[in-house]
Amino acid sequence: MTRLIVLLGFLLVLAVSAVADEPTEPTDPADMNGLTLFKTYCKTCHGVDAEAGEYSPLELIMDQWDEVFDAIDETHAEAVLETTDGKSVPAFLGGKLLDKIRKFCVDHAADSEEPMTCG
């Protein structure tokens, strides 16, 4: 009986650890980090060969990213995203979400200590 309890306990631990290891993408923008927000909201219009121009953190230096975000109210005022159900919604994010994207871009700019793309 003891062996059965130990075996069941072991199997339970394996099952819980397997579920815990599965990566999940947050669906609420407030729960997303800067990288995920950038991929979700920016790369749709600024991906490879995009009409609006390709941008990733590595494309600009830190000062250039600051200039981009200082003017973003004007440059993105009319930007829209197409939702999966075919509706158009404003693409512009403000407040804390925009701050997360800005921090991600500046922290990983070409002249930063940790440059990166978000491919």
C-alpha atoms as a PDB file:
ATOM      1  CA  MET A   1       0.000   0.000   0.000  1.00  0.00           C
ATOM      2  CA  THR A   2       2.853   2.355   0.852  1.00  0.00           C
ATOM      3  CA  ARG A   3       4.457   1.725  -2.537  1.00  0.00           C
ATOM      4  CA  LEU A   4       1.192   2.590  -4.270  1.00  0.00           C
ATOM      5  CA  ILE A   5       0.907   5.880  -2.379  1.00  0.00           C
ATOM      6  CA  VAL A   6       4.527   6.760  -3.182  1.00  0.00           C
ATOM      7  CA  LEU A   7       3.977   5.886  -6.857  1.00  0.00           C
ATOM      8  CA  LEU A   8       0.802   7.965  -7.036  1.00  0.00           C
ATOM      9  CA  GLY A   9       2.578  10.880  -5.357  1.00  0.00           C
ATOM     10  CA  PHE A  10       5.443  10.622  -7.831  1.00  0.00           C
ATOM     11  CA  LEU A  11       3.046  10.567 -10.778  1.00  0.00           C
ATOM     12  CA  LEU A  12       1.211  13.593  -9.406  1.00  0.00           C
ATOM     13  CA  VAL A  13       4.482  15.528  -9.101  1.00  0.00           C
ATOM     14  CA  LEU A  14       5.376  14.622 -12.706  1.00  0.00           C
ATOM     15  CA  ALA A  15       1.972  15.711 -13.971  1.00  0.00           C
ATOM     16  CA  VAL A  16       2.092  19.038 -12.130  1.00  0.00           C
ATOM     17  CA  SER A  17       5.636  19.794 -13.308  1.00  0.00           C
ATOM     18  CA  ALA A  18       4.731  18.963 -16.930  1.00  0.00           C
ATOM     19  CA  VAL A  19       1.822  21.402 -16.848  1.00  0.00           C
ATOM     20  CA  ALA A  20       3.938  24.066 -15.123  1.00  0.00           C
ATOM     21  CA  ASP A  21       6.625  23.814 -17.825  1.00  0.00           C
ATOM     22  CA  GLU A  22       4.229  24.587 -20.682  1.00  0.00           C
ATOM     23  CA  PRO A  23       4.883  28.161 -21.847  1.00  0.00           C
ATOM     24  CA  THR A  24       1.806  30.305 -22.075  1.00  0.00           C
ATOM     25  CA  GLU A  25       1.463  33.665 -23.748  1.00  0.00           C
ATOM     26  CA  PRO A  26      -0.534  36.186 -21.772  1.00  0.00           C
ATOM     27  CA  THR A  27      -3.642  37.406 -23.558  1.00  0.00           C
ATOM     28  CA  ASP A  28      -4.286  40.481 -21.426  1.00  0.00           C
ATOM     29  CA  PRO A  29      -2.006  43.317 -22.599  1.00  0.00           C
ATOM     30  CA  ALA A  30      -1.524  44.445 -18.991  1.00  0.00           C
ATOM     31  CA  ASP A  31       0.173  41.099 -18.273  1.00  0.00           C
ATOM     32  CA  MET A  32       2.488  41.263 -21.301  1.00  0.00           C
ATOM     33  CA  ASN A  33       6.124  42.324 -21.134  1.00  0.00           C
ATOM     34  CA  GLY A  34       7.651  44.807 -23.595  1.00  0.00           C
ATOM     35  CA  LEU A  35       8.810  42.105 -26.015  1.00  0.00           C
ATOM     36  CA  THR A  36       5.391  40.479 -26.229  1.00  0.00           C
ATOM     37  CA  LEU A  37       3.659  43.854 -26.575  1.00  0.00           C
ATOM     38  CA  PHE A  38       6.068  44.836 -29.366  1.00  0.00           C
ATOM     39  CA  LYS A  39       5.476  41.572 -31.219  1.00  0.00           C
ATOM     40  CA  THR A  40       1.708  41.841 -30.766  1.00  0.00           C
ATOM     41  CA  TYR A  41       1.102  45.516 -31.460  1.00  0.00           C
ATOM     42  CA  CYS A  42       4.121  46.839 -33.376  1.00  0.00           C
ATOM     43  CA  LYS A  43       5.371  44.022 -35.609  1.00  0.00           C
ATOM     44  CA  THR A  44       1.998  43.777 -37.360  1.00  0.00           C
ATOM     45  CA  CYS A  45       2.782  47.060 -39.119  1.00  0.00           C
ATOM     46  CA  HIS A  46       6.567  47.143 -38.720  1.00  0.00           C
ATOM     47  CA  GLY A  47       7.651  43.634 -39.722  1.00  0.00           C
ATOM     48  CA  VAL A  48       9.907  42.553 -42.575  1.00  0.00           C
ATOM     49  CA  ASP A  49       9.079  44.406 -45.828  1.00  0.00           C
ATOM     50  CA  ALA A  50       6.257  46.293 -44.090  1.00  0.00           C
ATOM     51  CA  GLU A  51       4.817  49.341 -45.800  1.00  0.00           C
ATOM     52  CA  ALA A  52       5.265  51.343 -42.579  1.00  0.00           C
ATOM     53  CA  GLY A  53       8.932  50.326 -42.393  1.00  0.00           C
ATOM     54  CA  GLU A  54      10.630  47.497 -40.564  1.00  0.00           C
ATOM     55  CA  TYR A  55      11.457  48.247 -36.958  1.00  0.00           C
ATOM     56  CA  SER A  56      12.850  46.202 -34.131  1.00  0.00           C
ATOM     57  CA  PRO A  57      14.900  47.462 -31.184  1.00  0.00           C
ATOM     58  CA  LEU A  58      18.165  46.779 -32.993  1.00  0.00           C
ATOM     59  CA  GLU A  59      17.182  49.034 -35.937  1.00  0.00           C
ATOM     60  CA  LEU A  60      17.808  52.269 -33.987  1.00  0.00           C
ATOM     61  CA  ILE A  61      20.065  53.573 -31.244  1.00  0.00           C
ATOM     62  CA  MET A  62      18.698  54.558 -27.829  1.00  0.00           C
ATOM     63  CA  ASP A  63      18.431  58.289 -28.615  1.00  0.00           C
ATOM     64  CA  GLN A  64      16.553  57.524 -31.839  1.00  0.00           C
ATOM     65  CA  TRP A  65      14.070  55.322 -29.952  1.00  0.00           C
ATOM     66  CA  ASP A  66      13.501  58.145 -27.477  1.00  0.00           C
ATOM     67  CA  GLU A  67      12.737  60.469 -30.419  1.00  0.00           C
ATOM     68  CA  VAL A  68      10.324  57.908 -31.901  1.00  0.00           C
ATOM     69  CA  PHE A  69       8.414  57.567 -28.645  1.00  0.00           C
ATOM     70  CA  ASP A  70       8.440  61.315 -27.954  1.00  0.00           C
ATOM     71  CA  ALA A  71       6.550  61.800 -31.243  1.00  0.00           C
ATOM     72  CA  ILE A  72       4.415  58.657 -31.165  1.00  0.00           C
ATOM     73  CA  ASP A  73       1.200  60.501 -30.282  1.00  0.00           C
ATOM     74  CA  GLU A  74       1.402  62.235 -33.668  1.00  0.00           C
ATOM     75  CA  THR A  75       2.874  59.476 -35.801  1.00  0.00           C
ATOM     76  CA  HIS A  76       0.460  56.776 -34.656  1.00  0.00           C
ATOM     77  CA  ALA A  77      -2.715  58.783 -34.094  1.00  0.00           C
ATOM     78  CA  GLU A  78      -4.413  57.209 -37.135  1.00  0.00           C
ATOM     79  CA  ALA A  79      -2.842  53.726 -36.886  1.00  0.00           C
ATOM     80  CA  VAL A  80      -5.269  50.793 -36.816  1.00  0.00           C
ATOM     81  CA  LEU A  81      -4.979  47.034 -36.362  1.00  0.00           C
ATOM     82  CA  GLU A  82      -7.165  44.446 -38.037  1.00  0.00           C
ATOM     83  CA  THR A  83      -8.611  42.020 -35.510  1.00  0.00           C
ATOM     84  CA  THR A  84      -9.130  38.341 -36.216  1.00  0.00           C
ATOM     85  CA  ASP A  85     -12.845  38.980 -36.741  1.00  0.00           C
ATOM     86  CA  GLY A  86     -12.148  41.604 -39.436  1.00  0.00           C
ATOM     87  CA  LYS A  87     -12.714  44.719 -37.340  1.00  0.00           C
ATOM     88  CA  SER A  88     -10.340  47.669 -37.241  1.00  0.00           C
ATOM     89  CA  VAL A  89      -9.280  48.934 -33.838  1.00  0.00           C
ATOM     90  CA  PRO A  90      -6.915  51.754 -32.873  1.00  0.00           C
ATOM     91  CA  ALA A  91      -3.346  50.463 -32.769  1.00  0.00           C
ATOM     92  CA  PHE A  92      -2.059  53.164 -30.480  1.00  0.00           C
ATOM     93  CA  LEU A  93      -1.276  52.051 -26.945  1.00  0.00           C
ATOM     94  CA  GLY A  94      -0.753  54.585 -24.222  1.00  0.00           C
ATOM     95  CA  GLY A  95       0.217  54.731 -20.587  1.00  0.00           C
ATOM     96  CA  LYS A  96       1.983  51.810 -18.948  1.00  0.00           C
ATOM     97  CA  LEU A  97       1.730  49.580 -22.029  1.00  0.00           C
ATOM     98  CA  LEU A  98       3.516  52.118 -24.199  1.00  0.00           C
ATOM     99  CA  ASP A  99       6.068  52.623 -21.428  1.00  0.00           C
ATOM    100  CA  LYS A 100       6.825  48.877 -21.483  1.00  0.00           C
ATOM    101  CA  ILE A 101       7.344  48.920 -25.261  1.00  0.00           C
ATOM    102  CA  ARG A 102       9.533  52.022 -25.039  1.00  0.00           C
ATOM    103  CA  LYS A 103      11.674  50.464 -22.302  1.00  0.00           C
ATOM    104  CA  PHE A 104      12.056  47.274 -24.340  1.00  0.00           C
ATOM    105  CA  CYS A 105      13.138  49.204 -27.456  1.00  0.00           C
ATOM    106  CA  VAL A 106      15.566  51.487 -25.623  1.00  0.00           C
ATOM    107  CA  ASP A 107      17.028  48.696 -23.474  1.00  0.00           C
ATOM    108  CA  HIS A 108      17.729  46.567 -26.553  1.00  0.00           C
ATOM    109  CA  ALA A 109      18.693  49.287 -29.046  1.00  0.00           C
ATOM    110  CA  ALA A 110      21.762  48.910 -31.275  1.00  0.00           C
ATOM    111  CA  ASP A 111      23.979  50.845 -28.855  1.00  0.00           C
ATOM    112  CA  SER A 112      22.638  49.300 -25.658  1.00  0.00           C
ATOM    113  CA  GLU A 113      24.382  46.729 -23.491  1.00  0.00           C
ATOM    114  CA  GLU A 114      21.927  44.028 -24.643  1.00  0.00           C
ATOM    115  CA  PRO A 115      20.990  44.723 -28.284  1.00  0.00           C
ATOM    116  CA  MET A 116      18.440  42.344 -29.764  1.00  0.00           C
ATOM    117  CA  THR A 117      15.814  41.861 -32.389  1.00  0.00           C
ATOM    118  CA  CYS A 118      12.348  40.590 -31.589  1.00  0.00           C
ATOM    119  CA  GLY A 119      12.086  38.301 -34.607  1.00  0.00           C
END
